[in-house]
Amino acid sequence: MCASLQEYLQGRSPHEQLRVAGDAIKNMAEVCFQRAELMIQGWENRYNSEGPVLDEDFLAGMIQQTMFLDVSDLCRQPKSRKSRQGFTGNPVESIVREVSKDAVLGFVDELESGDSVDLSMFC
């Protein structure tokens, strides 16, 4: 290849020789680059510990992107419910009543002091 390039360059102007030689070197560098890329890709595919590399388009026909499911036949209108009746259990007398502020503060003081708490003040 170099011999045929030298034959072609004979008789040309120095400017033309440099331009053609530069183009030739550029083309040879691109060929070397492409060969190196193929070699590296082949090596990576052969020694890839994660498994084979698949192109994005390889699985395109096997993957479902969207789905529509009509569930209207599975749904039914709710039945009307009977009106709720009030509480039917036995009435219980409430123990809720008002407690003075002093009684609550005394209870809090007993809790903070760690003494036994007397709940009788609330009953």
C-alpha atoms as a PDB file:
ATOM      1  CA  MET A   1       0.000   0.000   0.000  1.00  0.00           C
ATOM      2  CA  CYS A   2       2.843   2.366   0.833  1.00  0.00           C
ATOM      3  CA  ALA A   3       4.654   1.507  -2.411  1.00  0.00           C
ATOM      4  CA  SER A   4       1.592   2.290  -4.509  1.00  0.00           C
ATOM      5  CA  LEU A   5       1.162   5.552  -2.582  1.00  0.00           C
ATOM      6  CA  GLN A   6       4.746   6.577  -3.372  1.00  0.00           C
ATOM      7  CA  GLU A   7       4.235   5.834  -7.059  1.00  0.00           C
ATOM      8  CA  TYR A   8       1.114   7.987  -7.050  1.00  0.00           C
ATOM      9  CA  LEU A   9       2.894  10.869  -5.298  1.00  0.00           C
ATOM     10  CA  GLN A  10       5.803  11.037  -7.781  1.00  0.00           C
ATOM     11  CA  GLY A  11       5.592  14.013 -10.046  1.00  0.00           C
ATOM     12  CA  ARG A  12       3.096  15.882  -7.884  1.00  0.00           C
ATOM     13  CA  SER A  13       3.664  19.212  -6.196  1.00  0.00           C
ATOM     14  CA  PRO A  14       4.817  19.152  -2.553  1.00  0.00           C
ATOM     15  CA  HIS A  15       1.486  20.643  -1.498  1.00  0.00           C
ATOM     16  CA  GLU A  16      -0.454  17.898  -3.328  1.00  0.00           C
ATOM     17  CA  GLN A  17       1.856  15.201  -1.922  1.00  0.00           C
ATOM     18  CA  LEU A  18       1.217  16.387   1.657  1.00  0.00           C
ATOM     19  CA  ARG A  19      -2.534  16.550   1.131  1.00  0.00           C
ATOM     20  CA  VAL A  20      -2.792  13.058  -0.408  1.00  0.00           C
ATOM     21  CA  ALA A  21      -0.393  11.541   2.148  1.00  0.00           C
ATOM     22  CA  GLY A  22      -2.398  13.117   4.984  1.00  0.00           C
ATOM     23  CA  ASP A  23      -5.629  11.697   3.600  1.00  0.00           C
ATOM     24  CA  ALA A  24      -4.010   8.274   3.231  1.00  0.00           C
ATOM     25  CA  ILE A  25      -2.702   8.329   6.815  1.00  0.00           C
ATOM     26  CA  LYS A  26      -6.137   9.412   8.059  1.00  0.00           C
ATOM     27  CA  ASN A  27      -7.840   6.554   6.180  1.00  0.00           C
ATOM     28  CA  MET A  28      -5.319   4.009   7.474  1.00  0.00           C
ATOM     29  CA  ALA A  29      -5.840   5.276  11.033  1.00  0.00           C
ATOM     30  CA  GLU A  30      -9.620   4.856  10.656  1.00  0.00           C
ATOM     31  CA  VAL A  31      -9.173   1.285   9.407  1.00  0.00           C
ATOM     32  CA  CYS A  32      -6.897   0.513  12.385  1.00  0.00           C
ATOM     33  CA  PHE A  33      -9.441   2.108  14.737  1.00  0.00           C
ATOM     34  CA  GLN A  34     -12.314   0.035  13.331  1.00  0.00           C
ATOM     35  CA  ARG A  35     -10.289  -3.180  13.562  1.00  0.00           C
ATOM     36  CA  ALA A  36      -9.337  -2.380  17.157  1.00  0.00           C
ATOM     37  CA  GLU A  37     -12.989  -1.694  18.018  1.00  0.00           C
ATOM     38  CA  LEU A  38     -14.015  -5.074  16.588  1.00  0.00           C
ATOM     39  CA  MET A  39     -11.246  -6.836  18.497  1.00  0.00           C
ATOM     40  CA  ILE A  40     -12.162  -5.135  21.782  1.00  0.00           C
ATOM     41  CA  GLN A  41     -15.857  -5.841  21.272  1.00  0.00           C
ATOM     42  CA  GLY A  42     -15.116  -9.498  20.534  1.00  0.00           C
ATOM     43  CA  TRP A  43     -12.930  -9.756  23.637  1.00  0.00           C
ATOM     44  CA  GLU A  44     -15.595  -8.105  25.830  1.00  0.00           C
ATOM     45  CA  ASN A  45     -18.293 -10.430  24.483  1.00  0.00           C
ATOM     46  CA  ARG A  46     -16.126 -13.503  25.072  1.00  0.00           C
ATOM     47  CA  TYR A  47     -15.005 -12.587  28.626  1.00  0.00           C
ATOM     48  CA  ASN A  48     -18.122 -10.801  29.898  1.00  0.00           C
ATOM     49  CA  SER A  49     -18.948 -12.137  33.392  1.00  0.00           C
ATOM     50  CA  GLU A  50     -22.473 -10.664  33.345  1.00  0.00           C
ATOM     51  CA  GLY A  51     -23.614 -12.771  30.415  1.00  0.00           C
ATOM     52  CA  PRO A  52     -24.226 -11.974  26.757  1.00  0.00           C
ATOM     53  CA  VAL A  53     -25.003  -8.426  25.720  1.00  0.00           C
ATOM     54  CA  LEU A  54     -28.300  -8.081  23.863  1.00  0.00           C
ATOM     55  CA  ASP A  55     -29.223  -5.284  21.525  1.00  0.00           C
ATOM     56  CA  GLU A  56     -32.165  -3.113  22.576  1.00  0.00           C
ATOM     57  CA  ASP A  57     -34.141  -4.196  19.500  1.00  0.00           C
ATOM     58  CA  PHE A  58     -33.626  -7.915  20.220  1.00  0.00           C
ATOM     59  CA  LEU A  59     -36.403  -8.091  22.832  1.00  0.00           C
ATOM     60  CA  ALA A  60     -38.621  -5.365  21.352  1.00  0.00           C
ATOM     61  CA  GLY A  61     -41.117  -7.831  19.905  1.00  0.00           C
ATOM     62  CA  MET A  62     -41.303  -9.879  23.097  1.00  0.00           C
ATOM     63  CA  ILE A  63     -41.901  -7.090  25.624  1.00  0.00           C
ATOM     64  CA  GLN A  64     -45.364  -5.660  26.149  1.00  0.00           C
ATOM     65  CA  GLN A  65     -45.195  -1.930  26.780  1.00  0.00           C
ATOM     66  CA  THR A  66     -48.845  -1.212  27.634  1.00  0.00           C
ATOM     67  CA  MET A  67     -51.895  -3.152  28.665  1.00  0.00           C
ATOM     68  CA  PHE A  68     -55.621  -2.421  28.789  1.00  0.00           C
ATOM     69  CA  LEU A  69     -57.924  -4.478  30.950  1.00  0.00           C
ATOM     70  CA  ASP A  70     -61.673  -3.905  30.974  1.00  0.00           C
ATOM     71  CA  VAL A  71     -62.971  -4.808  34.443  1.00  0.00           C
ATOM     72  CA  SER A  72     -66.409  -3.247  34.041  1.00  0.00           C
ATOM     73  CA  ASP A  73     -68.010  -6.714  33.850  1.00  0.00           C
ATOM     74  CA  LEU A  74     -66.467  -7.627  37.186  1.00  0.00           C
ATOM     75  CA  CYS A  75     -67.883  -4.629  39.030  1.00  0.00           C
ATOM     76  CA  ARG A  76     -71.425  -4.425  40.333  1.00  0.00           C
ATOM     77  CA  GLN A  77     -73.456  -1.630  41.751  1.00  0.00           C
ATOM     78  CA  PRO A  78     -73.562  -1.605  45.547  1.00  0.00           C
ATOM     79  CA  LYS A  79     -76.821  -2.722  47.095  1.00  0.00           C
ATOM     80  CA  SER A  80     -78.646  -0.171  49.178  1.00  0.00           C
ATOM     81  CA  ARG A  81     -77.979  -0.664  52.861  1.00  0.00           C
ATOM     82  CA  LYS A  82     -80.580  -0.546  55.564  1.00  0.00           C
ATOM     83  CA  SER A  83     -80.400   2.502  57.737  1.00  0.00           C
ATOM     84  CA  ARG A  84     -78.295   1.929  60.821  1.00  0.00           C
ATOM     85  CA  GLN A  85     -80.124   1.569  64.052  1.00  0.00           C
ATOM     86  CA  GLY A  86     -78.909   3.240  67.215  1.00  0.00           C
ATOM     87  CA  PHE A  87     -76.962   1.583  70.028  1.00  0.00           C
ATOM     88  CA  THR A  88     -78.804  -1.504  71.254  1.00  0.00           C
ATOM     89  CA  GLY A  89     -76.507  -2.538  74.147  1.00  0.00           C
ATOM     90  CA  ASN A  90     -77.115  -2.023  77.829  1.00  0.00           C
ATOM     91  CA  PRO A  91     -76.550   1.538  79.009  1.00  0.00           C
ATOM     92  CA  VAL A  92     -73.464   2.052  81.201  1.00  0.00           C
ATOM     93  CA  GLU A  93     -73.123   4.793  83.751  1.00  0.00           C
ATOM     94  CA  SER A  94     -70.303   7.128  82.782  1.00  0.00           C
ATOM     95  CA  ILE A  95     -67.471   7.871  85.204  1.00  0.00           C
ATOM     96  CA  VAL A  96     -66.427  11.027  83.409  1.00  0.00           C
ATOM     97  CA  ARG A  97     -66.534  14.129  85.582  1.00  0.00           C
ATOM     98  CA  GLU A  98     -64.780  17.415  86.050  1.00  0.00           C
ATOM     99  CA  VAL A  99     -61.507  17.488  87.972  1.00  0.00           C
ATOM    100  CA  SER A 100     -60.017  20.611  89.472  1.00  0.00           C
ATOM    101  CA  LYS A 101     -56.818  22.068  88.117  1.00  0.00           C
ATOM    102  CA  ASP A 102     -55.127  21.668  91.527  1.00  0.00           C
ATOM    103  CA  ALA A 103     -55.919  17.937  91.555  1.00  0.00           C
ATOM    104  CA  VAL A 104     -54.353  17.490  88.094  1.00  0.00           C
ATOM    105  CA  LEU A 105     -51.243  19.475  89.071  1.00  0.00           C
ATOM    106  CA  GLY A 106     -50.895  17.403  92.243  1.00  0.00           C
ATOM    107  CA  PHE A 107     -51.148  14.228  90.171  1.00  0.00           C
ATOM    108  CA  VAL A 108     -48.415  15.487  87.820  1.00  0.00           C
ATOM    109  CA  ASP A 109     -46.165  16.360  90.799  1.00  0.00           C
ATOM    110  CA  GLU A 110     -46.617  12.833  92.182  1.00  0.00           C
ATOM    111  CA  LEU A 111     -45.690  11.349  88.794  1.00  0.00           C
ATOM    112  CA  GLU A 112     -42.549  13.491  88.546  1.00  0.00           C
ATOM    113  CA  SER A 113     -41.429  12.747  92.105  1.00  0.00           C
ATOM    114  CA  GLY A 114     -41.627   9.015  91.501  1.00  0.00           C
ATOM    115  CA  ASP A 115     -43.877   8.392  94.511  1.00  0.00           C
ATOM    116  CA  SER A 116     -46.809   6.018  94.273  1.00  0.00           C
ATOM    117  CA  VAL A 117     -49.699   7.722  92.567  1.00  0.00           C
ATOM    118  CA  ASP A 118     -53.047   8.071  94.349  1.00  0.00           C
ATOM    119  CA  LEU A 119     -55.843   7.969  91.803  1.00  0.00           C
ATOM    120  CA  SER A 120     -58.560   8.441  94.396  1.00  0.00           C
ATOM    121  CA  MET A 121     -58.438  12.195  93.922  1.00  0.00           C
ATOM    122  CA  PHE A 122     -60.004  11.681  90.491  1.00  0.00           C
ATOM    123  CA  CYS A 123     -62.833   9.414  91.611  1.00  0.00           C
END
